Amino acid sequence: MDRINADLLQTFIEVARVEHLGRAAESLQADQSTVSRKIARLEEEVGVPLFERIGRNLRLTAAGQRFVGRAERLVDDLREAIADAEGTVSEDTGEVHIGFLHTVGARWLPERLVRFRETHPRVRFVLREGNVDEVITGLARGDFDLGILGPPPQNSSTLEIRPLFRERVAVVVPAGHRLVGRTSCTLTDLANEPLILPRSRSGLRRVIDDAFARQGIRVNVAYEGDDFTIVLGLVEAGLGTTLLPMPLPLASARVAVIPLRDPPIARTMALCWDRRRTLPPAAMLFVSRLVDEVDESVGPPFGA
């Protein structure tokens, strides 16, 4: 069985199709004797006769009839595997695995995927949402080709980092809150507010905590959660106030969004990949497209 290969299976499939050694040899552009030897070798490996002779023609035995379907599937699977492998060296095909933060997946990333696929429709994207730590871990393990996160890690020796845009953070309060109607507010206005914040101490939570610390204001955390839609639901229910990147993950008439002016809070969202690995060509092209769109106000690449 160890010596059964694709060539033997393809010969068997063709002979089964035309039920004649000579016609199969013509189709395969091979000598009839070669085709006959391959069938005999396959039968020896399988251990049972696959054909019986009917005059000058051949007919599948019961074992051959059971074997031919699986042989066809094996050859098809091999062709698909080869096509997938070839796709990794073409920028027009293959898969790009991306790990990203929730806010990026709401609008920003889908819009860019649509534009990219207009010119490269055969590229397939595999997407997985996570927090900053999960995205970085996925890059290190090779689960992701690319990561989109913020703020990006500093002084990383393994990650290549390219800033993409700055995500402004605003205050979100329940309808009827005392701050509704204000054109802007400050962190001091939130000093005694019950806050609903991300649980993870990386990403947005770190940016918010650092901003409060610089102002000397104690953070009064009422609830924590990393799913922004749940955070928004808690605010809608009147259980507290939050700070979220704009635009909101879901529009809601039950909350009010108030710009934050003192101090303004923003986080840089960045594209990352493991510089120790070679990116698939399709991923490299997607990187090029994203970097070309970068607003110059974001600044130069980290470490430059």
Protein backbone atom coordinates (compact mmCIF):
# COMPACT_ATOMS: atom_id res chain seq x y z
CA MET A 1 0.00 0.00 0.00
CA ASP A 2 2.90 2.36 0.71
CA ARG A 3 3.80 2.34 -2.99
CA ILE A 4 0.39 3.53 -4.25
CA ASN A 5 0.84 6.98 -5.77
CA ALA A 6 -1.14 9.54 -7.76
CA ASP A 7 0.14 8.19 -11.08
CA LEU A 8 -1.22 4.71 -10.37
CA LEU A 9 -4.56 6.13 -9.21
CA GLN A 10 -4.93 8.38 -12.26
CA THR A 11 -4.16 5.44 -14.57
CA PHE A 12 -6.72 3.29 -12.76
CA ILE A 13 -9.38 6.03 -12.97
CA GLU A 14 -8.86 6.46 -16.71
CA VAL A 15 -8.99 2.73 -17.42
CA ALA A 16 -12.15 2.51 -15.32
CA ARG A 17 -13.66 5.37 -17.32
CA VAL A 18 -13.03 3.97 -20.84
CA GLU A 19 -12.99 0.24 -19.88
CA HIS A 20 -10.23 -0.45 -22.41
CA LEU A 21 -6.42 -0.54 -22.05
CA GLY A 22 -5.71 0.76 -25.54
CA ARG A 23 -8.06 3.74 -25.34
CA ALA A 24 -6.82 4.55 -21.85
CA ALA A 25 -3.22 4.44 -23.13
CA GLU A 26 -4.11 6.90 -25.91
CA SER A 27 -5.80 9.25 -23.46
CA LEU A 28 -2.85 9.07 -21.07
CA GLN A 29 -0.31 9.32 -23.92
CA ALA A 30 1.42 6.18 -22.71
CA ASP A 31 2.20 2.71 -24.06
CA GLN A 32 -0.51 0.11 -23.52
CA SER A 33 2.02 -2.18 -21.88
CA THR A 34 2.91 0.58 -19.40
CA VAL A 35 -0.75 1.10 -18.54
CA SER A 36 -1.21 -2.65 -18.10
CA ARG A 37 1.81 -2.87 -15.76
CA LYS A 38 0.50 0.01 -13.65
CA ILE A 39 -2.91 -1.63 -13.25
CA ALA A 40 -1.25 -4.92 -12.28
CA ARG A 41 0.94 -3.12 -9.75
CA LEU A 42 -2.05 -1.32 -8.24
CA GLU A 43 -3.98 -4.58 -7.94
CA GLU A 44 -0.97 -6.14 -6.24
CA GLU A 45 -0.80 -3.27 -3.75
CA VAL A 46 -4.54 -3.30 -3.06
CA GLY A 47 -4.56 -7.07 -2.81
CA VAL A 48 -7.66 -7.78 -4.90
CA PRO A 49 -8.50 -7.75 -8.66
CA LEU A 50 -9.94 -4.40 -9.74
CA PHE A 51 -10.90 -5.40 -13.31
CA GLU A 52 -12.21 -8.43 -15.12
CA ARG A 53 -11.80 -9.01 -18.86
CA ILE A 54 -14.91 -9.09 -21.10
CA GLY A 55 -13.54 -9.87 -24.55
CA ARG A 56 -11.17 -7.04 -25.44
CA ASN A 57 -12.76 -4.74 -22.88
CA LEU A 58 -12.36 -4.42 -19.12
CA ARG A 59 -15.02 -4.10 -16.46
CA LEU A 60 -14.65 -3.11 -12.83
CA THR A 61 -15.02 -5.89 -10.31
CA ALA A 62 -17.16 -5.28 -7.23
CA ALA A 63 -13.97 -4.29 -5.38
CA GLY A 64 -13.00 -1.99 -8.26
CA GLN A 65 -16.41 -0.30 -8.19
CA ARG A 66 -15.97 0.42 -4.48
CA PHE A 67 -12.41 1.61 -4.95
CA VAL A 68 -12.86 3.96 -7.93
CA GLY A 69 -14.94 6.56 -6.07
CA ARG A 70 -12.42 6.86 -3.28
CA ALA A 71 -9.55 6.95 -5.76
CA GLU A 72 -11.20 9.89 -7.52
CA ARG A 73 -11.63 11.71 -4.21
CA LEU A 74 -8.01 11.09 -3.29
CA VAL A 75 -6.78 12.53 -6.58
CA ASP A 76 -9.14 15.52 -6.27
CA ASP A 77 -7.93 16.17 -2.72
CA LEU A 78 -4.33 16.06 -3.91
CA ARG A 79 -5.09 18.53 -6.72
CA GLU A 80 -6.74 20.89 -4.24
CA ALA A 81 -3.80 20.59 -1.84
CA ILE A 82 -1.38 21.45 -4.66
CA ALA A 83 -3.57 24.39 -5.72
CA ASP A 84 -3.62 25.67 -2.13
CA ALA A 85 0.17 25.38 -1.91
CA GLU A 86 0.58 27.20 -5.20
CA GLY A 87 -1.77 29.89 -3.92
CA THR A 88 0.63 30.76 -1.13
CA VAL A 89 3.17 31.99 -3.68
CA SER A 90 0.69 34.11 -5.66
CA GLU A 91 -0.71 37.46 -4.64
CA ASP A 92 -3.90 36.69 -6.57
CA THR A 93 -4.89 33.60 -4.56
CA GLY A 94 -4.45 32.00 -1.17
CA GLU A 95 -5.55 32.93 2.34
CA VAL A 96 -4.68 35.86 4.60
CA HIS A 97 -5.24 35.28 8.31
CA ILE A 98 -5.92 38.47 10.29
CA GLY A 99 -6.41 39.03 14.02
CA PHE A 100 -8.02 42.35 14.93
CA LEU A 101 -9.72 44.41 17.62
CA HIS A 102 -13.50 44.68 17.81
CA THR A 103 -13.71 48.34 16.80
CA VAL A 104 -11.66 47.70 13.66
CA GLY A 105 -13.99 44.89 12.63
CA ALA A 106 -17.14 46.99 12.87
CA ARG A 107 -16.53 49.17 9.79
CA TRP A 108 -12.92 50.01 9.03
CA LEU A 109 -11.67 46.53 8.13
CA PRO A 110 -14.74 45.37 6.14
CA GLU A 111 -14.56 48.49 3.96
CA ARG A 112 -10.93 47.77 3.07
CA LEU A 113 -11.55 44.10 2.43
CA VAL A 114 -14.28 45.01 -0.05
CA ARG A 115 -11.98 47.40 -1.93
CA PHE A 116 -9.12 44.88 -1.99
CA ARG A 117 -11.32 42.07 -3.28
CA GLU A 118 -12.54 44.22 -6.15
CA THR A 119 -9.14 43.67 -7.77
CA HIS A 120 -8.21 40.35 -6.09
CA PRO A 121 -11.47 38.39 -5.75
CA ARG A 122 -9.76 35.00 -5.34
CA VAL A 123 -7.94 35.97 -2.13
CA ARG A 124 -9.68 34.56 0.93
CA PHE A 125 -9.50 36.28 4.31
CA VAL A 126 -9.75 34.35 7.59
CA LEU A 127 -10.69 36.78 10.36
CA ARG A 128 -10.60 36.42 14.13
CA GLU A 129 -11.47 39.06 16.70
CA GLY A 130 -9.51 39.35 19.94
CA ASN A 131 -8.00 41.77 22.42
CA VAL A 132 -4.47 43.15 22.11
CA ASP A 133 -2.82 40.29 24.01
CA GLU A 134 -4.69 37.67 21.98
CA VAL A 135 -3.70 39.25 18.68
CA ILE A 136 -0.02 39.49 19.69
CA THR A 137 -0.04 35.88 20.90
CA GLY A 138 -1.65 34.77 17.64
CA LEU A 139 1.06 36.52 15.63
CA ALA A 140 3.78 34.85 17.68
CA ARG A 141 2.24 31.40 17.23
CA GLY A 142 1.73 31.88 13.51
CA ASP A 143 -2.08 31.79 13.78
CA PHE A 144 -2.26 35.20 12.10
CA ASP A 145 -0.34 36.60 9.16
CA LEU A 146 -1.36 40.13 10.18
CA GLY A 147 -2.66 41.81 13.31
CA ILE A 148 -4.51 45.12 13.64
CA LEU A 149 -4.40 46.50 17.16
CA GLY A 150 -3.88 49.57 19.26
CA PRO A 151 -2.02 50.96 20.91
CA PRO A 152 0.82 48.97 19.34
CA PRO A 153 3.42 47.32 21.60
CA GLN A 154 6.56 49.34 22.15
CA ASN A 155 10.13 48.06 21.73
CA SER A 156 9.06 44.74 20.22
CA SER A 157 12.00 42.86 18.74
CA THR A 158 9.84 40.46 16.73
CA LEU A 159 6.99 42.58 15.39
CA GLU A 160 7.05 44.82 12.36
CA ILE A 161 4.65 47.68 13.13
CA ARG A 162 3.04 50.22 10.78
CA PRO A 163 0.62 52.87 12.13
CA LEU A 164 -2.67 53.08 10.25
CA PHE A 165 -4.89 55.72 11.85
CA ARG A 166 -5.77 57.36 15.14
CA GLU A 167 -8.99 56.34 16.85
CA ARG A 168 -10.58 59.19 18.82
CA VAL A 169 -12.28 58.31 22.10
CA ALA A 170 -15.50 60.02 23.22
CA VAL A 171 -17.65 59.88 26.35
CA VAL A 172 -20.87 57.87 26.05
CA VAL A 173 -23.64 58.51 28.57
CA PRO A 174 -27.22 57.23 28.93
CA ALA A 175 -30.04 59.35 27.53
CA GLY A 176 -31.18 61.76 30.24
CA HIS A 177 -27.72 61.96 31.83
CA ARG A 178 -26.70 65.30 33.35
CA LEU A 179 -24.02 65.78 30.65
CA VAL A 180 -26.44 65.38 27.73
CA GLY A 181 -26.54 68.59 25.73
CA ARG A 182 -22.93 69.51 26.43
CA THR A 183 -20.82 70.17 23.33
CA SER A 184 -17.81 68.60 25.08
CA CYS A 185 -16.63 67.40 28.47
CA THR A 186 -13.46 66.69 30.41
CA LEU A 187 -12.18 63.80 32.48
CA THR A 188 -12.82 65.94 35.56
CA ASP A 189 -16.53 65.82 34.66
CA LEU A 190 -16.29 62.04 35.04
CA ALA A 191 -14.49 62.05 38.39
CA ASN A 192 -17.46 60.69 40.36
CA GLU A 193 -19.13 58.78 37.54
CA PRO A 194 -19.58 54.99 37.69
CA LEU A 195 -17.57 53.89 34.66
CA ILE A 196 -18.02 50.84 32.46
CA LEU A 197 -14.63 49.99 30.99
CA PRO A 198 -12.82 47.19 29.15
CA ARG A 199 -11.62 44.44 31.48
CA SER A 200 -8.36 43.82 29.64
CA ARG A 201 -5.56 46.06 30.93
CA SER A 202 -4.03 46.26 27.46
CA GLY A 203 -5.39 48.19 24.50
CA LEU A 204 -8.04 50.83 25.13
CA ARG A 205 -8.17 50.25 28.90
CA ARG A 206 -4.48 51.12 29.22
CA VAL A 207 -5.00 54.33 27.23
CA ILE A 208 -7.94 55.35 29.45
CA ASP A 209 -6.23 54.47 32.73
CA ASP A 210 -3.12 56.41 31.71
CA ALA A 211 -5.21 59.48 30.84
CA PHE A 212 -6.98 59.45 34.21
CA ALA A 213 -3.67 58.91 36.03
CA ARG A 214 -2.07 61.92 34.32
CA GLN A 215 -4.99 64.06 35.51
CA GLY A 216 -4.72 62.67 39.05
CA ILE A 217 -8.30 61.36 38.92
CA ARG A 218 -9.28 58.07 40.50
CA VAL A 219 -11.10 55.72 38.13
CA ASN A 220 -14.45 54.65 39.58
CA VAL A 221 -15.10 51.34 37.80
CA ALA A 222 -18.63 49.98 38.16
CA TYR A 223 -18.55 47.24 35.50
CA GLU A 224 -15.93 45.72 33.23
CA GLY A 225 -16.32 43.92 29.92
CA ASP A 226 -14.32 43.49 26.72
CA ASP A 227 -17.32 43.20 24.38
CA PHE A 228 -18.13 46.77 23.35
CA THR A 229 -21.71 45.90 22.41
CA ILE A 230 -22.28 44.67 25.98
CA VAL A 231 -20.61 47.81 27.37
CA LEU A 232 -22.94 49.92 25.25
CA GLY A 233 -25.93 47.92 26.48
CA LEU A 234 -24.97 48.58 30.09
CA VAL A 235 -24.78 52.31 29.36
CA GLU A 236 -28.18 52.17 27.63
CA ALA A 237 -29.59 50.59 30.79
CA GLY A 238 -28.32 53.54 32.84
CA LEU A 239 -25.75 51.55 34.79
CA GLY A 240 -22.88 53.91 34.10
CA THR A 241 -20.84 55.92 31.63
CA THR A 242 -18.11 54.74 29.30
CA LEU A 243 -15.43 55.95 26.91
CA LEU A 244 -15.45 54.35 23.48
CA PRO A 245 -13.67 54.85 20.19
CA MET A 246 -15.71 56.52 17.48
CA PRO A 247 -17.81 55.57 15.64
CA LEU A 248 -19.81 53.47 18.05
CA PRO A 249 -19.98 49.75 17.24
CA LEU A 250 -23.77 50.10 17.02
CA ALA A 251 -25.83 53.26 16.61
CA SER A 252 -28.17 53.86 19.54
CA ALA A 253 -30.82 56.45 20.34
CA ARG A 254 -30.59 55.51 24.02
CA VAL A 255 -27.17 57.07 24.56
CA ALA A 256 -25.50 60.39 23.89
CA VAL A 257 -21.95 60.80 22.57
CA ILE A 258 -20.00 63.75 23.95
CA PRO A 259 -16.58 64.74 22.56
CA LEU A 260 -13.76 64.68 25.10
CA ARG A 261 -11.67 67.87 25.05
CA ASP A 262 -9.51 67.89 28.18
CA PRO A 263 -7.51 65.90 27.65
CA PRO A 264 -8.42 64.49 24.24
CA ILE A 265 -7.82 60.74 24.16
CA ALA A 266 -6.87 58.80 21.05
CA ARG A 267 -5.09 55.55 20.36
CA THR A 268 -2.98 54.72 17.35
CA MET A 269 -4.20 51.65 15.50
CA ALA A 270 -1.38 49.75 13.84
CA LEU A 271 -0.78 46.90 11.45
CA CYS A 272 1.63 44.28 12.79
CA TRP A 273 3.28 41.09 11.59
CA ASP A 274 6.05 38.81 12.78
CA ARG A 275 9.23 39.87 11.02
CA ARG A 276 10.72 36.40 11.57
CA ARG A 277 8.20 34.89 9.13
CA THR A 278 7.79 35.46 5.41
CA LEU A 279 4.36 36.84 4.62
CA PRO A 280 2.36 35.19 1.83
CA PRO A 281 2.34 37.39 -1.30
CA ALA A 282 -1.38 38.15 -0.91
CA ALA A 283 -0.76 39.35 2.66
CA MET A 284 2.17 41.48 1.51
CA LEU A 285 -0.02 43.10 -1.15
CA PHE A 286 -2.75 43.80 1.42
CA VAL A 287 -0.13 45.39 3.69
CA SER A 288 0.98 47.62 0.82
CA ARG A 289 -2.61 48.70 0.16
CA LEU A 290 -3.26 49.56 3.81
CA VAL A 291 0.01 51.43 4.29
CA ASP A 292 -0.64 53.47 1.13
CA GLU A 293 -3.83 54.77 2.74
CA VAL A 294 -2.13 55.94 5.94
CA ASP A 295 -2.81 59.53 6.87
CA GLU A 296 0.50 61.37 7.15
CA SER A 297 -0.66 62.86 10.46
CA VAL A 298 -0.26 59.49 12.12
CA GLY A 299 3.51 59.81 11.84
CA PRO A 300 6.36 57.58 10.70
CA PRO A 301 6.59 53.83 11.40
CA PHE A 302 7.44 52.94 14.98
CA GLY A 303 11.13 52.62 15.56
CA ALA A 304 11.97 54.83 12.57
